[in-house]
N, C-alpha and C. Protein backbone atom coordinates (compact mmCIF):
# COMPACT_ATOMS: atom_id res chain seq x y z
N MET A 1 -15.88 36.58 -4.34
CA MET A 1 -17.12 36.86 -3.59
C MET A 1 -16.76 37.66 -2.34
N THR A 2 -17.47 38.76 -2.16
CA THR A 2 -17.22 39.60 -1.00
C THR A 2 -17.88 38.97 0.23
N ALA A 3 -17.52 39.55 1.39
CA ALA A 3 -18.09 39.02 2.64
C ALA A 3 -19.59 39.23 2.68
N LEU A 4 -20.03 40.37 2.14
CA LEU A 4 -21.49 40.65 2.14
C LEU A 4 -22.21 39.69 1.22
N GLU A 5 -21.66 39.42 0.04
CA GLU A 5 -22.25 38.49 -0.89
C GLU A 5 -22.32 37.09 -0.31
N HIS A 6 -21.26 36.73 0.40
CA HIS A 6 -21.23 35.39 1.03
C HIS A 6 -22.32 35.28 2.11
N GLU A 7 -22.47 36.35 2.89
CA GLU A 7 -23.52 36.31 3.94
C GLU A 7 -24.91 36.24 3.34
N GLU A 8 -25.15 36.95 2.25
CA GLU A 8 -26.42 36.93 1.58
C GLU A 8 -26.70 35.54 1.02
N ARG A 9 -25.65 34.88 0.52
CA ARG A 9 -25.82 33.55 -0.03
C ARG A 9 -26.21 32.56 1.07
N ILE A 10 -25.59 32.67 2.24
CA ILE A 10 -25.90 31.80 3.35
C ILE A 10 -27.38 32.00 3.78
N ILE A 11 -27.81 33.25 3.80
CA ILE A 11 -29.18 33.55 4.18
C ILE A 11 -30.15 32.91 3.21
N ASN A 12 -29.85 33.02 1.94
CA ASN A 12 -30.71 32.44 0.91
C ASN A 12 -30.76 30.91 0.99
N LEU A 13 -29.59 30.33 1.28
CA LEU A 13 -29.54 28.87 1.39
C LEU A 13 -30.38 28.37 2.56
N LYS A 14 -30.34 29.13 3.67
CA LYS A 14 -31.10 28.73 4.85
C LYS A 14 -32.60 28.74 4.58
N LYS A 15 -33.01 29.58 3.63
CA LYS A 15 -34.43 29.61 3.28
C LYS A 15 -34.89 28.30 2.67
N PHE A 16 -33.89 27.61 2.03
CA PHE A 16 -34.22 26.35 1.36
C PHE A 16 -33.85 25.13 2.23
N ASP A 17 -33.52 25.39 3.52
CA ASP A 17 -33.16 24.31 4.43
C ASP A 17 -34.45 23.65 4.94
N ASN A 18 -35.19 23.11 3.99
CA ASN A 18 -36.46 22.49 4.33
C ASN A 18 -36.36 20.95 4.30
N LEU A 19 -37.46 20.27 4.33
CA LEU A 19 -37.44 18.82 4.33
C LEU A 19 -36.72 18.25 3.12
N ASN A 20 -36.91 18.85 1.95
CA ASN A 20 -36.29 18.32 0.77
C ASN A 20 -34.76 18.37 0.85
N SER A 21 -34.23 19.45 1.35
CA SER A 21 -32.76 19.56 1.48
C SER A 21 -32.24 18.54 2.50
N GLN A 22 -32.98 18.31 3.55
CA GLN A 22 -32.57 17.34 4.55
C GLN A 22 -32.59 15.91 4.01
N GLU A 23 -33.55 15.65 3.13
CA GLU A 23 -33.62 14.34 2.48
C GLU A 23 -32.39 14.13 1.60
N ILE A 24 -32.01 15.17 0.89
CA ILE A 24 -30.81 15.08 0.04
C ILE A 24 -29.58 14.87 0.90
N ARG A 25 -29.52 15.55 2.02
CA ARG A 25 -28.37 15.38 2.94
C ARG A 25 -28.29 13.95 3.43
N ALA A 26 -29.44 13.39 3.80
CA ALA A 26 -29.48 12.03 4.28
C ALA A 26 -29.11 11.05 3.16
N LEU A 27 -29.53 11.36 1.94
CA LEU A 27 -29.22 10.53 0.80
C LEU A 27 -27.70 10.47 0.57
N VAL A 28 -27.06 11.64 0.71
CA VAL A 28 -25.61 11.68 0.53
C VAL A 28 -24.93 10.80 1.60
N GLN A 29 -25.42 10.89 2.82
CA GLN A 29 -24.85 10.08 3.91
C GLN A 29 -24.96 8.59 3.59
N GLU A 30 -26.16 8.16 3.25
CA GLU A 30 -26.40 6.73 2.98
C GLU A 30 -25.64 6.27 1.74
N SER A 31 -25.62 7.10 0.72
CA SER A 31 -24.87 6.70 -0.51
C SER A 31 -23.40 6.58 -0.27
N THR A 32 -22.86 7.50 0.58
CA THR A 32 -21.44 7.42 0.91
C THR A 32 -21.11 6.15 1.66
N LYS A 33 -21.99 5.76 2.59
CA LYS A 33 -21.77 4.53 3.31
C LYS A 33 -21.78 3.33 2.38
N GLU A 34 -22.74 3.31 1.45
CA GLU A 34 -22.82 2.24 0.47
C GLU A 34 -21.57 2.20 -0.41
N PHE A 35 -21.09 3.37 -0.78
CA PHE A 35 -19.91 3.47 -1.63
C PHE A 35 -18.66 2.94 -0.89
N LYS A 36 -18.54 3.28 0.39
CA LYS A 36 -17.35 2.94 1.15
C LYS A 36 -17.34 1.45 1.57
N THR A 37 -18.50 0.78 1.51
CA THR A 37 -18.58 -0.61 1.92
C THR A 37 -18.87 -1.56 0.75
N ALA A 38 -19.03 -1.01 -0.45
CA ALA A 38 -19.36 -1.83 -1.63
C ALA A 38 -18.27 -2.88 -1.92
N TRP A 39 -17.03 -2.56 -1.58
CA TRP A 39 -15.91 -3.49 -1.85
C TRP A 39 -16.07 -4.82 -1.12
N LEU A 40 -16.77 -4.80 0.05
CA LEU A 40 -16.94 -6.03 0.80
C LEU A 40 -17.66 -7.10 0.02
N LYS A 41 -18.69 -6.72 -0.68
CA LYS A 41 -19.48 -7.68 -1.47
C LYS A 41 -18.65 -8.26 -2.58
N LEU A 42 -17.90 -7.41 -3.29
CA LEU A 42 -17.02 -7.89 -4.37
C LEU A 42 -15.92 -8.77 -3.83
N SER A 43 -15.27 -8.33 -2.76
CA SER A 43 -14.12 -9.08 -2.25
C SER A 43 -14.56 -10.45 -1.70
N GLN A 44 -15.77 -10.50 -1.15
CA GLN A 44 -16.28 -11.81 -0.64
C GLN A 44 -16.46 -12.78 -1.80
N ALA A 45 -17.01 -12.28 -2.90
CA ALA A 45 -17.20 -13.13 -4.09
C ALA A 45 -15.87 -13.56 -4.65
N LEU A 46 -14.93 -12.65 -4.76
CA LEU A 46 -13.58 -12.99 -5.30
C LEU A 46 -12.87 -13.97 -4.38
N TYR A 47 -13.03 -13.81 -3.10
CA TYR A 47 -12.42 -14.72 -2.14
C TYR A 47 -12.90 -16.15 -2.37
N THR A 48 -14.22 -16.29 -2.63
CA THR A 48 -14.82 -17.59 -2.89
C THR A 48 -14.29 -18.19 -4.20
N VAL A 49 -14.20 -17.33 -5.20
CA VAL A 49 -13.70 -17.78 -6.51
C VAL A 49 -12.28 -18.32 -6.39
N LYS A 50 -11.45 -17.60 -5.64
CA LYS A 50 -10.06 -18.01 -5.53
C LYS A 50 -9.91 -19.23 -4.62
N ARG A 51 -10.63 -19.24 -3.52
CA ARG A 51 -10.54 -20.36 -2.57
C ARG A 51 -10.98 -21.66 -3.18
N ASP A 52 -12.09 -21.63 -3.93
CA ASP A 52 -12.62 -22.85 -4.50
C ASP A 52 -12.15 -23.09 -5.92
N LYS A 53 -11.27 -22.18 -6.41
CA LYS A 53 -10.73 -22.32 -7.78
C LYS A 53 -11.84 -22.42 -8.82
N LEU A 54 -12.89 -21.62 -8.64
CA LEU A 54 -14.00 -21.62 -9.57
C LEU A 54 -13.60 -21.18 -10.97
N TYR A 55 -12.53 -20.38 -11.06
CA TYR A 55 -12.06 -19.90 -12.34
C TYR A 55 -11.69 -21.05 -13.28
N GLU A 56 -11.30 -22.19 -12.71
CA GLU A 56 -10.95 -23.33 -13.55
C GLU A 56 -12.15 -23.89 -14.28
N TYR A 57 -13.32 -23.84 -13.64
CA TYR A 57 -14.55 -24.30 -14.27
C TYR A 57 -14.94 -23.39 -15.42
N TRP A 58 -14.46 -22.14 -15.37
CA TRP A 58 -14.81 -21.18 -16.40
C TRP A 58 -13.75 -21.07 -17.49
N GLY A 59 -12.77 -21.95 -17.43
CA GLY A 59 -11.78 -22.02 -18.49
C GLY A 59 -10.53 -21.18 -18.31
N TYR A 60 -10.27 -20.72 -17.08
CA TYR A 60 -9.07 -19.92 -16.84
C TYR A 60 -8.00 -20.74 -16.11
N GLU A 61 -6.75 -20.60 -16.50
CA GLU A 61 -5.68 -21.40 -15.91
C GLU A 61 -5.32 -20.93 -14.50
N ASN A 62 -5.58 -19.65 -14.20
CA ASN A 62 -5.26 -19.16 -12.86
C ASN A 62 -6.16 -17.97 -12.49
N PHE A 63 -6.11 -17.60 -11.25
CA PHE A 63 -6.97 -16.53 -10.75
C PHE A 63 -6.62 -15.18 -11.37
N ASP A 64 -5.33 -14.92 -11.55
CA ASP A 64 -4.92 -13.64 -12.13
C ASP A 64 -5.45 -13.46 -13.54
N ARG A 65 -5.41 -14.52 -14.34
CA ARG A 65 -5.90 -14.44 -15.72
C ARG A 65 -7.43 -14.19 -15.71
N TYR A 66 -8.12 -14.81 -14.78
CA TYR A 66 -9.56 -14.57 -14.64
C TYR A 66 -9.84 -13.10 -14.31
N LEU A 67 -9.07 -12.57 -13.36
CA LEU A 67 -9.29 -11.17 -12.99
C LEU A 67 -9.14 -10.23 -14.16
N GLU A 68 -8.07 -10.40 -14.91
CA GLU A 68 -7.75 -9.47 -16.00
C GLU A 68 -8.68 -9.67 -17.18
N SER A 69 -9.08 -10.89 -17.47
CA SER A 69 -9.84 -11.19 -18.68
C SER A 69 -11.35 -10.99 -18.50
N GLU A 70 -11.86 -11.36 -17.32
CA GLU A 70 -13.32 -11.36 -17.13
C GLU A 70 -13.81 -10.26 -16.20
N VAL A 71 -13.06 -10.00 -15.15
CA VAL A 71 -13.49 -9.01 -14.18
C VAL A 71 -13.05 -7.61 -14.61
N GLY A 72 -11.86 -7.55 -15.22
CA GLY A 72 -11.37 -6.25 -15.72
C GLY A 72 -10.71 -5.40 -14.66
N ILE A 73 -10.12 -6.03 -13.66
CA ILE A 73 -9.34 -5.28 -12.68
C ILE A 73 -7.95 -5.89 -12.60
N ARG A 74 -6.98 -5.05 -12.21
CA ARG A 74 -5.60 -5.52 -12.13
C ARG A 74 -5.47 -6.61 -11.09
N LYS A 75 -4.56 -7.55 -11.38
CA LYS A 75 -4.39 -8.69 -10.47
C LYS A 75 -3.93 -8.22 -9.08
N ALA A 76 -3.14 -7.14 -9.04
CA ALA A 76 -2.67 -6.63 -7.73
C ALA A 76 -3.88 -6.19 -6.90
N MET A 77 -4.80 -5.48 -7.53
CA MET A 77 -5.99 -5.03 -6.79
C MET A 77 -6.87 -6.18 -6.43
N GLY A 78 -7.05 -7.15 -7.32
CA GLY A 78 -7.89 -8.29 -7.03
C GLY A 78 -7.37 -9.10 -5.86
N ASN A 79 -6.08 -9.34 -5.85
CA ASN A 79 -5.50 -10.12 -4.75
C ASN A 79 -5.52 -9.34 -3.45
N ARG A 80 -5.39 -8.00 -3.56
CA ARG A 80 -5.45 -7.17 -2.35
C ARG A 80 -6.88 -7.22 -1.77
N LEU A 81 -7.88 -7.24 -2.62
CA LEU A 81 -9.26 -7.39 -2.15
C LEU A 81 -9.48 -8.71 -1.43
N VAL A 82 -8.93 -9.78 -2.01
CA VAL A 82 -9.09 -11.09 -1.41
C VAL A 82 -8.41 -11.16 -0.04
N LYS A 83 -7.19 -10.69 0.05
CA LYS A 83 -6.44 -10.69 1.31
C LYS A 83 -7.14 -9.86 2.39
N THR A 84 -7.65 -8.70 1.96
CA THR A 84 -8.30 -7.83 2.93
C THR A 84 -9.62 -8.40 3.39
N TYR A 85 -10.32 -9.10 2.48
CA TYR A 85 -11.57 -9.73 2.93
C TYR A 85 -11.27 -10.82 3.94
N ALA A 86 -10.25 -11.64 3.69
CA ALA A 86 -9.88 -12.69 4.64
C ALA A 86 -9.54 -12.09 6.00
N PHE A 87 -8.86 -10.97 5.99
CA PHE A 87 -8.53 -10.26 7.24
C PHE A 87 -9.80 -9.82 7.97
N VAL A 88 -10.71 -9.23 7.23
CA VAL A 88 -11.95 -8.75 7.82
C VAL A 88 -12.76 -9.91 8.39
N GLU A 89 -12.85 -11.00 7.69
CA GLU A 89 -13.60 -12.17 8.12
C GLU A 89 -13.05 -12.70 9.46
N GLN A 90 -11.74 -12.65 9.61
CA GLN A 90 -11.12 -13.20 10.80
C GLN A 90 -11.01 -12.22 11.95
N GLN A 91 -10.72 -10.93 11.62
CA GLN A 91 -10.42 -9.95 12.65
C GLN A 91 -11.53 -8.93 12.87
N GLU A 92 -12.31 -8.60 11.87
CA GLU A 92 -13.32 -7.55 11.97
C GLU A 92 -14.65 -8.05 11.37
N PRO A 93 -15.17 -9.18 11.88
CA PRO A 93 -16.39 -9.74 11.27
C PRO A 93 -17.63 -8.84 11.36
N GLN A 94 -17.62 -7.85 12.24
CA GLN A 94 -18.75 -6.95 12.35
C GLN A 94 -18.97 -6.18 11.07
N CYS A 95 -17.90 -6.04 10.27
CA CYS A 95 -18.04 -5.33 9.01
C CYS A 95 -18.92 -6.06 8.00
N LEU A 96 -19.09 -7.37 8.24
CA LEU A 96 -19.88 -8.17 7.28
C LEU A 96 -21.36 -8.22 7.62
N HIS A 97 -21.74 -7.60 8.74
CA HIS A 97 -23.15 -7.59 9.08
C HIS A 97 -23.92 -6.65 8.17
N ALA A 98 -25.13 -7.02 7.90
CA ALA A 98 -25.94 -6.22 6.94
C ALA A 98 -26.17 -4.79 7.40
N ASN A 99 -26.23 -4.59 8.72
CA ASN A 99 -26.51 -3.26 9.27
C ASN A 99 -25.24 -2.52 9.66
N PHE A 100 -24.08 -2.98 9.20
CA PHE A 100 -22.83 -2.32 9.56
C PHE A 100 -22.83 -0.87 9.06
N GLY A 101 -22.57 0.04 9.89
CA GLY A 101 -22.52 1.46 9.51
C GLY A 101 -23.81 2.23 9.70
N ASP A 102 -24.89 1.52 10.03
CA ASP A 102 -26.19 2.19 10.17
C ASP A 102 -26.18 3.22 11.28
N ASP A 103 -25.41 2.93 12.33
CA ASP A 103 -25.38 3.83 13.49
C ASP A 103 -24.18 4.78 13.45
N ARG A 104 -23.60 4.96 12.30
CA ARG A 104 -22.43 5.84 12.14
C ARG A 104 -22.70 6.93 11.14
N ASP A 105 -21.92 8.03 11.29
CA ASP A 105 -21.87 9.01 10.23
C ASP A 105 -20.99 8.44 9.12
N ALA A 106 -21.23 8.89 7.90
CA ALA A 106 -20.47 8.37 6.75
C ALA A 106 -18.97 8.55 6.92
N VAL A 107 -18.57 9.64 7.57
CA VAL A 107 -17.14 9.94 7.69
C VAL A 107 -16.40 8.91 8.52
N SER A 108 -17.09 8.22 9.42
CA SER A 108 -16.43 7.25 10.31
C SER A 108 -16.48 5.82 9.77
N VAL A 109 -17.14 5.60 8.64
CA VAL A 109 -17.16 4.26 8.04
C VAL A 109 -15.80 4.02 7.35
N PRO A 110 -15.11 2.95 7.70
CA PRO A 110 -13.78 2.71 7.12
C PRO A 110 -13.80 2.43 5.64
N GLU A 111 -12.80 2.94 4.93
CA GLU A 111 -12.72 2.70 3.49
C GLU A 111 -11.78 1.53 3.23
N PHE A 112 -11.89 0.95 2.04
CA PHE A 112 -11.15 -0.25 1.71
C PHE A 112 -9.65 -0.09 1.90
N GLU A 113 -9.05 0.96 1.31
CA GLU A 113 -7.59 1.09 1.37
C GLU A 113 -7.10 1.22 2.81
N ALA A 114 -7.90 1.87 3.67
CA ALA A 114 -7.49 2.02 5.07
C ALA A 114 -7.53 0.67 5.77
N VAL A 115 -8.53 -0.14 5.49
CA VAL A 115 -8.63 -1.47 6.08
C VAL A 115 -7.45 -2.34 5.58
N ASN A 116 -7.08 -2.14 4.34
CA ASN A 116 -5.93 -2.87 3.79
C ASN A 116 -4.64 -2.51 4.54
N VAL A 117 -4.47 -1.23 4.85
CA VAL A 117 -3.30 -0.83 5.65
C VAL A 117 -3.37 -1.44 7.02
N LEU A 118 -4.55 -1.51 7.60
CA LEU A 118 -4.70 -2.16 8.92
C LEU A 118 -4.32 -3.62 8.85
N ARG A 119 -4.66 -4.27 7.75
CA ARG A 119 -4.26 -5.68 7.54
C ARG A 119 -2.72 -5.82 7.55
N MET A 120 -2.08 -4.91 6.86
CA MET A 120 -0.60 -4.96 6.80
C MET A 120 0.01 -4.68 8.17
N ALA A 121 -0.63 -3.80 8.93
CA ALA A 121 -0.17 -3.52 10.29
C ALA A 121 -0.28 -4.75 11.16
N ARG A 122 -1.34 -5.50 10.98
CA ARG A 122 -1.56 -6.73 11.75
C ARG A 122 -0.44 -7.73 11.46
N GLU A 123 0.04 -7.77 10.23
CA GLU A 123 1.05 -8.74 9.83
C GLU A 123 2.47 -8.30 10.19
N ASN A 124 2.62 -7.05 10.59
CA ASN A 124 3.98 -6.55 10.87
C ASN A 124 4.42 -6.92 12.29
N LYS A 125 5.52 -7.63 12.37
CA LYS A 125 6.01 -8.15 13.65
C LYS A 125 6.76 -7.10 14.47
N ASP A 126 7.08 -5.97 13.85
CA ASP A 126 7.82 -4.94 14.59
C ASP A 126 6.91 -4.08 15.46
N LEU A 127 5.62 -4.11 15.20
CA LEU A 127 4.67 -3.26 15.95
C LEU A 127 4.24 -3.95 17.25
N THR A 128 4.01 -3.14 18.26
CA THR A 128 3.51 -3.65 19.53
C THR A 128 1.96 -3.78 19.42
N LYS A 129 1.38 -4.44 20.42
CA LYS A 129 -0.05 -4.58 20.47
C LYS A 129 -0.73 -3.19 20.58
N GLN A 130 -0.09 -2.34 21.35
CA GLN A 130 -0.63 -0.98 21.51
C GLN A 130 -0.55 -0.19 20.20
N ASP A 131 0.52 -0.39 19.45
CA ASP A 131 0.63 0.25 18.15
C ASP A 131 -0.54 -0.14 17.26
N TYR A 132 -0.75 -1.42 17.18
CA TYR A 132 -1.81 -1.96 16.31
C TYR A 132 -3.19 -1.44 16.78
N GLN A 133 -3.43 -1.47 18.06
CA GLN A 133 -4.74 -0.99 18.55
C GLN A 133 -4.96 0.47 18.24
N GLY A 134 -3.89 1.24 18.26
CA GLY A 134 -4.03 2.65 17.91
C GLY A 134 -4.43 2.85 16.46
N ILE A 135 -3.77 2.08 15.60
CA ILE A 135 -4.12 2.16 14.15
C ILE A 135 -5.51 1.62 13.92
N ARG A 136 -5.85 0.55 14.58
CA ARG A 136 -7.21 -0.01 14.44
C ARG A 136 -8.28 1.00 14.81
N LYS A 137 -8.05 1.71 15.92
CA LYS A 137 -9.03 2.71 16.37
C LYS A 137 -9.21 3.80 15.30
N ASP A 138 -8.08 4.23 14.72
CA ASP A 138 -8.17 5.27 13.69
C ASP A 138 -8.95 4.80 12.47
N VAL A 139 -8.77 3.52 12.12
CA VAL A 139 -9.42 2.99 10.90
C VAL A 139 -10.87 2.59 11.16
N MET A 140 -11.08 1.72 12.17
CA MET A 140 -12.37 1.11 12.36
C MET A 140 -13.37 1.99 13.11
N GLU A 141 -12.88 2.91 13.92
CA GLU A 141 -13.77 3.75 14.71
C GLU A 141 -13.88 5.16 14.17
N LYS A 142 -12.77 5.69 13.62
CA LYS A 142 -12.78 7.08 13.17
C LYS A 142 -12.86 7.21 11.66
N GLY A 143 -12.62 6.10 10.94
CA GLY A 143 -12.66 6.17 9.48
C GLY A 143 -11.57 7.02 8.88
N LYS A 144 -10.39 6.99 9.48
CA LYS A 144 -9.29 7.83 9.05
C LYS A 144 -8.88 7.51 7.62
N ASN A 145 -8.51 8.54 6.88
CA ASN A 145 -8.11 8.42 5.49
C ASN A 145 -6.90 7.49 5.35
N ALA A 146 -6.93 6.66 4.31
CA ALA A 146 -5.89 5.67 4.09
C ALA A 146 -4.52 6.26 3.95
N VAL A 147 -4.42 7.41 3.31
CA VAL A 147 -3.10 8.05 3.12
C VAL A 147 -2.50 8.40 4.46
N LEU A 148 -3.31 8.94 5.34
CA LEU A 148 -2.81 9.32 6.67
C LEU A 148 -2.49 8.09 7.52
N VAL A 149 -3.30 7.03 7.39
CA VAL A 149 -3.05 5.81 8.13
C VAL A 149 -1.74 5.19 7.69
N ARG A 150 -1.52 5.15 6.36
CA ARG A 150 -0.28 4.60 5.86
C ARG A 150 0.95 5.40 6.35
N LYS A 151 0.78 6.72 6.37
CA LYS A 151 1.86 7.56 6.87
C LYS A 151 2.18 7.28 8.34
N ASP A 152 1.13 7.09 9.13
CA ASP A 152 1.31 6.76 10.56
C ASP A 152 2.00 5.40 10.71
N LEU A 153 1.56 4.44 9.90
CA LEU A 153 2.14 3.10 9.96
C LEU A 153 3.62 3.11 9.60
N THR A 154 3.97 3.84 8.59
CA THR A 154 5.38 3.93 8.17
C THR A 154 6.23 4.53 9.27
N ALA A 155 5.71 5.58 9.90
CA ALA A 155 6.45 6.20 11.01
C ALA A 155 6.63 5.27 12.16
N LEU A 156 5.60 4.49 12.48
CA LEU A 156 5.68 3.55 13.58
C LEU A 156 6.69 2.45 13.30
N ILE A 157 6.68 1.93 12.08
CA ILE A 157 7.63 0.88 11.73
C ILE A 157 9.05 1.33 11.86
N LYS A 158 9.31 2.54 11.38
CA LYS A 158 10.66 3.10 11.49
C LYS A 158 11.08 3.29 12.95
N GLU A 159 10.09 3.66 13.76
CA GLU A 159 10.39 3.92 15.18
C GLU A 159 10.61 2.61 15.97
N ARG A 160 9.85 1.58 15.60
CA ARG A 160 9.90 0.32 16.34
C ARG A 160 10.99 -0.64 15.87
N LYS A 161 11.35 -0.57 14.62
CA LYS A 161 12.30 -1.55 14.08
C LYS A 161 13.62 -1.44 14.75
N GLN A 162 14.10 -2.57 15.23
CA GLN A 162 15.41 -2.62 15.89
C GLN A 162 16.49 -2.61 14.85
N VAL A 163 17.43 -1.68 15.02
CA VAL A 163 18.52 -1.53 14.06
C VAL A 163 19.80 -2.09 14.65
N ASP A 164 20.38 -3.05 13.97
CA ASP A 164 21.65 -3.64 14.40
C ASP A 164 22.77 -2.80 13.78
N PRO A 165 23.58 -2.15 14.64
CA PRO A 165 24.64 -1.26 14.13
C PRO A 165 25.63 -1.99 13.21
N ASP A 166 26.01 -3.24 13.61
CA ASP A 166 26.95 -4.01 12.76
C ASP A 166 26.34 -4.34 11.42
N GLU A 167 25.06 -4.71 11.44
CA GLU A 167 24.36 -5.06 10.18
C GLU A 167 24.28 -3.82 9.28
N GLU A 168 23.96 -2.67 9.89
CA GLU A 168 23.85 -1.43 9.09
C GLU A 168 25.21 -1.06 8.52
N ARG A 169 26.27 -1.24 9.27
CA ARG A 169 27.60 -0.93 8.78
C ARG A 169 27.98 -1.82 7.64
N GLU A 170 27.63 -3.13 7.73
CA GLU A 170 27.91 -4.04 6.64
C GLU A 170 27.15 -3.67 5.37
N LYS A 171 25.94 -3.22 5.54
CA LYS A 171 25.14 -2.81 4.39
C LYS A 171 25.76 -1.61 3.72
N ARG A 172 26.20 -0.64 4.52
CA ARG A 172 26.84 0.56 3.97
C ARG A 172 28.13 0.20 3.25
N ASN A 173 28.90 -0.71 3.85
CA ASN A 173 30.17 -1.12 3.22
C ASN A 173 29.91 -1.84 1.90
N ALA A 174 28.93 -2.68 1.90
CA ALA A 174 28.61 -3.42 0.65
C ALA A 174 28.15 -2.46 -0.43
N ALA A 175 27.34 -1.47 -0.05
CA ALA A 175 26.85 -0.50 -1.03
C ALA A 175 28.04 0.34 -1.58
N SER A 176 28.98 0.71 -0.71
CA SER A 176 30.14 1.46 -1.13
C SER A 176 31.00 0.66 -2.06
N LEU A 177 31.16 -0.62 -1.77
CA LEU A 177 31.96 -1.50 -2.62
C LEU A 177 31.36 -1.61 -4.02
N LYS A 178 30.04 -1.77 -4.07
CA LYS A 178 29.34 -1.87 -5.36
C LYS A 178 29.50 -0.56 -6.17
N ARG A 179 29.41 0.57 -5.50
CA ARG A 179 29.60 1.85 -6.22
C ARG A 179 31.01 1.93 -6.77
N PHE A 180 32.00 1.47 -5.98
CA PHE A 180 33.38 1.49 -6.43
C PHE A 180 33.57 0.57 -7.61
N VAL A 181 32.99 -0.59 -7.58
CA VAL A 181 33.06 -1.53 -8.69
C VAL A 181 32.49 -0.92 -9.95
N ASN A 182 31.38 -0.29 -9.83
CA ASN A 182 30.74 0.35 -11.00
C ASN A 182 31.64 1.44 -11.58
N ALA A 183 32.34 2.18 -10.67
CA ALA A 183 33.22 3.23 -11.13
C ALA A 183 34.42 2.61 -11.88
N VAL A 184 34.98 1.52 -11.33
CA VAL A 184 36.10 0.87 -11.98
C VAL A 184 35.67 0.29 -13.33
N ARG A 185 34.49 -0.27 -13.37
CA ARG A 185 33.97 -0.84 -14.61
C ARG A 185 33.84 0.24 -15.68
N ALA A 186 33.30 1.38 -15.28
CA ALA A 186 33.14 2.50 -16.25
C ALA A 186 34.49 3.02 -16.71
N PHE A 187 35.42 3.11 -15.75
CA PHE A 187 36.78 3.58 -16.09
C PHE A 187 37.44 2.63 -17.10
N HIS A 188 37.34 1.32 -16.81
CA HIS A 188 37.97 0.34 -17.70
C HIS A 188 37.36 0.38 -19.10
N LYS A 189 36.05 0.54 -19.16
CA LYS A 189 35.38 0.61 -20.46
C LYS A 189 35.83 1.83 -21.26
N ASP A 190 35.86 2.98 -20.60
CA ASP A 190 36.29 4.21 -21.29
C ASP A 190 37.77 4.15 -21.68
N ALA A 191 38.61 3.67 -20.74
CA ALA A 191 40.05 3.60 -21.01
C ALA A 191 40.36 2.69 -22.17
N SER A 192 39.60 1.58 -22.24
CA SER A 192 39.84 0.62 -23.33
C SER A 192 39.38 1.17 -24.67
N ALA A 193 38.20 1.80 -24.69
CA ALA A 193 37.64 2.28 -25.94
C ALA A 193 38.36 3.51 -26.46
N LEU A 194 38.70 4.39 -25.55
CA LEU A 194 39.32 5.67 -25.98
C LEU A 194 40.83 5.65 -25.92
N LYS A 195 41.41 4.59 -25.42
CA LYS A 195 42.89 4.50 -25.30
C LYS A 195 43.46 5.66 -24.55
N LEU A 196 42.87 5.91 -23.40
CA LEU A 196 43.28 7.08 -22.58
C LEU A 196 44.59 6.82 -21.82
N LEU A 197 44.86 5.52 -21.52
CA LEU A 197 46.02 5.18 -20.72
C LEU A 197 46.80 4.05 -21.36
N PRO A 198 48.01 3.86 -20.91
CA PRO A 198 48.82 2.72 -21.41
C PRO A 198 48.10 1.37 -21.19
N ALA A 199 48.40 0.42 -22.03
CA ALA A 199 47.73 -0.88 -21.98
C ALA A 199 47.95 -1.57 -20.62
N ARG A 200 49.13 -1.43 -20.01
CA ARG A 200 49.41 -2.10 -18.74
C ARG A 200 48.47 -1.60 -17.64
N ILE A 201 48.12 -0.33 -17.65
CA ILE A 201 47.23 0.23 -16.63
C ILE A 201 45.81 -0.28 -16.84
N VAL A 202 45.42 -0.34 -18.11
CA VAL A 202 44.09 -0.85 -18.44
C VAL A 202 43.99 -2.30 -18.01
N THR A 203 45.08 -3.06 -18.24
CA THR A 203 45.07 -4.45 -17.85
C THR A 203 44.95 -4.59 -16.33
N LYS A 204 45.67 -3.77 -15.57
CA LYS A 204 45.58 -3.81 -14.12
C LYS A 204 44.18 -3.45 -13.65
N ALA A 205 43.54 -2.51 -14.34
CA ALA A 205 42.16 -2.12 -13.98
C ALA A 205 41.21 -3.32 -14.21
N ALA A 206 41.45 -4.07 -15.30
CA ALA A 206 40.64 -5.23 -15.58
C ALA A 206 40.81 -6.29 -14.50
N GLU A 207 42.08 -6.49 -14.07
CA GLU A 207 42.34 -7.46 -13.03
C GLU A 207 41.71 -7.07 -11.70
N LEU A 208 41.78 -5.78 -11.40
CA LEU A 208 41.15 -5.25 -10.20
C LEU A 208 39.66 -5.47 -10.21
N LEU A 209 39.07 -5.26 -11.38
CA LEU A 209 37.63 -5.40 -11.55
C LEU A 209 37.23 -6.86 -11.27
N VAL A 210 38.02 -7.79 -11.81
CA VAL A 210 37.71 -9.21 -11.59
C VAL A 210 37.78 -9.57 -10.12
N ASP A 211 38.84 -9.07 -9.43
CA ASP A 211 38.99 -9.33 -8.01
C ASP A 211 37.80 -8.76 -7.19
N LEU A 212 37.43 -7.53 -7.52
CA LEU A 212 36.34 -6.90 -6.81
C LEU A 212 35.02 -7.63 -7.00
N GLU A 213 34.75 -8.04 -8.24
CA GLU A 213 33.51 -8.75 -8.53
C GLU A 213 33.48 -10.09 -7.80
N SER A 214 34.66 -10.75 -7.74
CA SER A 214 34.74 -12.03 -7.01
C SER A 214 34.45 -11.81 -5.51
N GLU A 215 34.97 -10.70 -4.98
CA GLU A 215 34.74 -10.40 -3.56
C GLU A 215 33.25 -10.19 -3.29
N ILE A 216 32.58 -9.48 -4.17
CA ILE A 216 31.14 -9.24 -4.00
C ILE A 216 30.37 -10.54 -4.07
N ASP A 217 30.74 -11.41 -5.01
CA ASP A 217 30.05 -12.70 -5.16
C ASP A 217 30.21 -13.55 -3.90
N GLU A 218 31.38 -13.50 -3.31
CA GLU A 218 31.61 -14.29 -2.08
C GLU A 218 30.80 -13.78 -0.91
N GLU A 219 30.70 -12.46 -0.81
CA GLU A 219 29.95 -11.86 0.29
C GLU A 219 28.46 -12.14 0.14
N GLU A 220 27.98 -12.13 -1.11
CA GLU A 220 26.53 -12.35 -1.34
C GLU A 220 26.17 -13.80 -1.14
N ASN A 221 27.13 -14.73 -1.39
CA ASN A 221 26.83 -16.14 -1.28
C ASN A 221 27.24 -16.69 0.10
């Protein structure tokens, strides 16, 4: 489309910018708000089902089986809905009001996945109060996309987490030892099967492998 064609299209569209088009625009806003908050009604019901173990009255041995068999959603999603609802009830009860979102544009209404990330941020002990409040503002006031919120949270956790140099060195040493053990194990297997080396060397490799595996077991226990 050329620049002239684009300009002509805008002019034509403005001719139809009447009451009907504004009604459609408002409908999109309201429908988006309903879409972004519909999870609250479902999660509240699921929360009650799990809390009161209502699934037992319906013949299910556990909540996960009920989710998969009758509701038709994955247990991970169902449990995430329940946890996030509990968080909202305790920390953000304004979301449960019937008129929640009425005074907002659709773009600023928080979506489920973003609220779930906020819940995880609340549970993270490495974050400061200021960190959490910043994430909360992005989610609850600005309606920031969940992908971006999760990215911000990950960056904050990495920044705030205290790293013990000795602990990190031990982890690197343990990982190196395991890689070496795997290499010795592969060497022993190939040497034994293909008879690449004298038997005495293969035997020594087997003995080394036993010693290394014992060392790893001691460190892990």
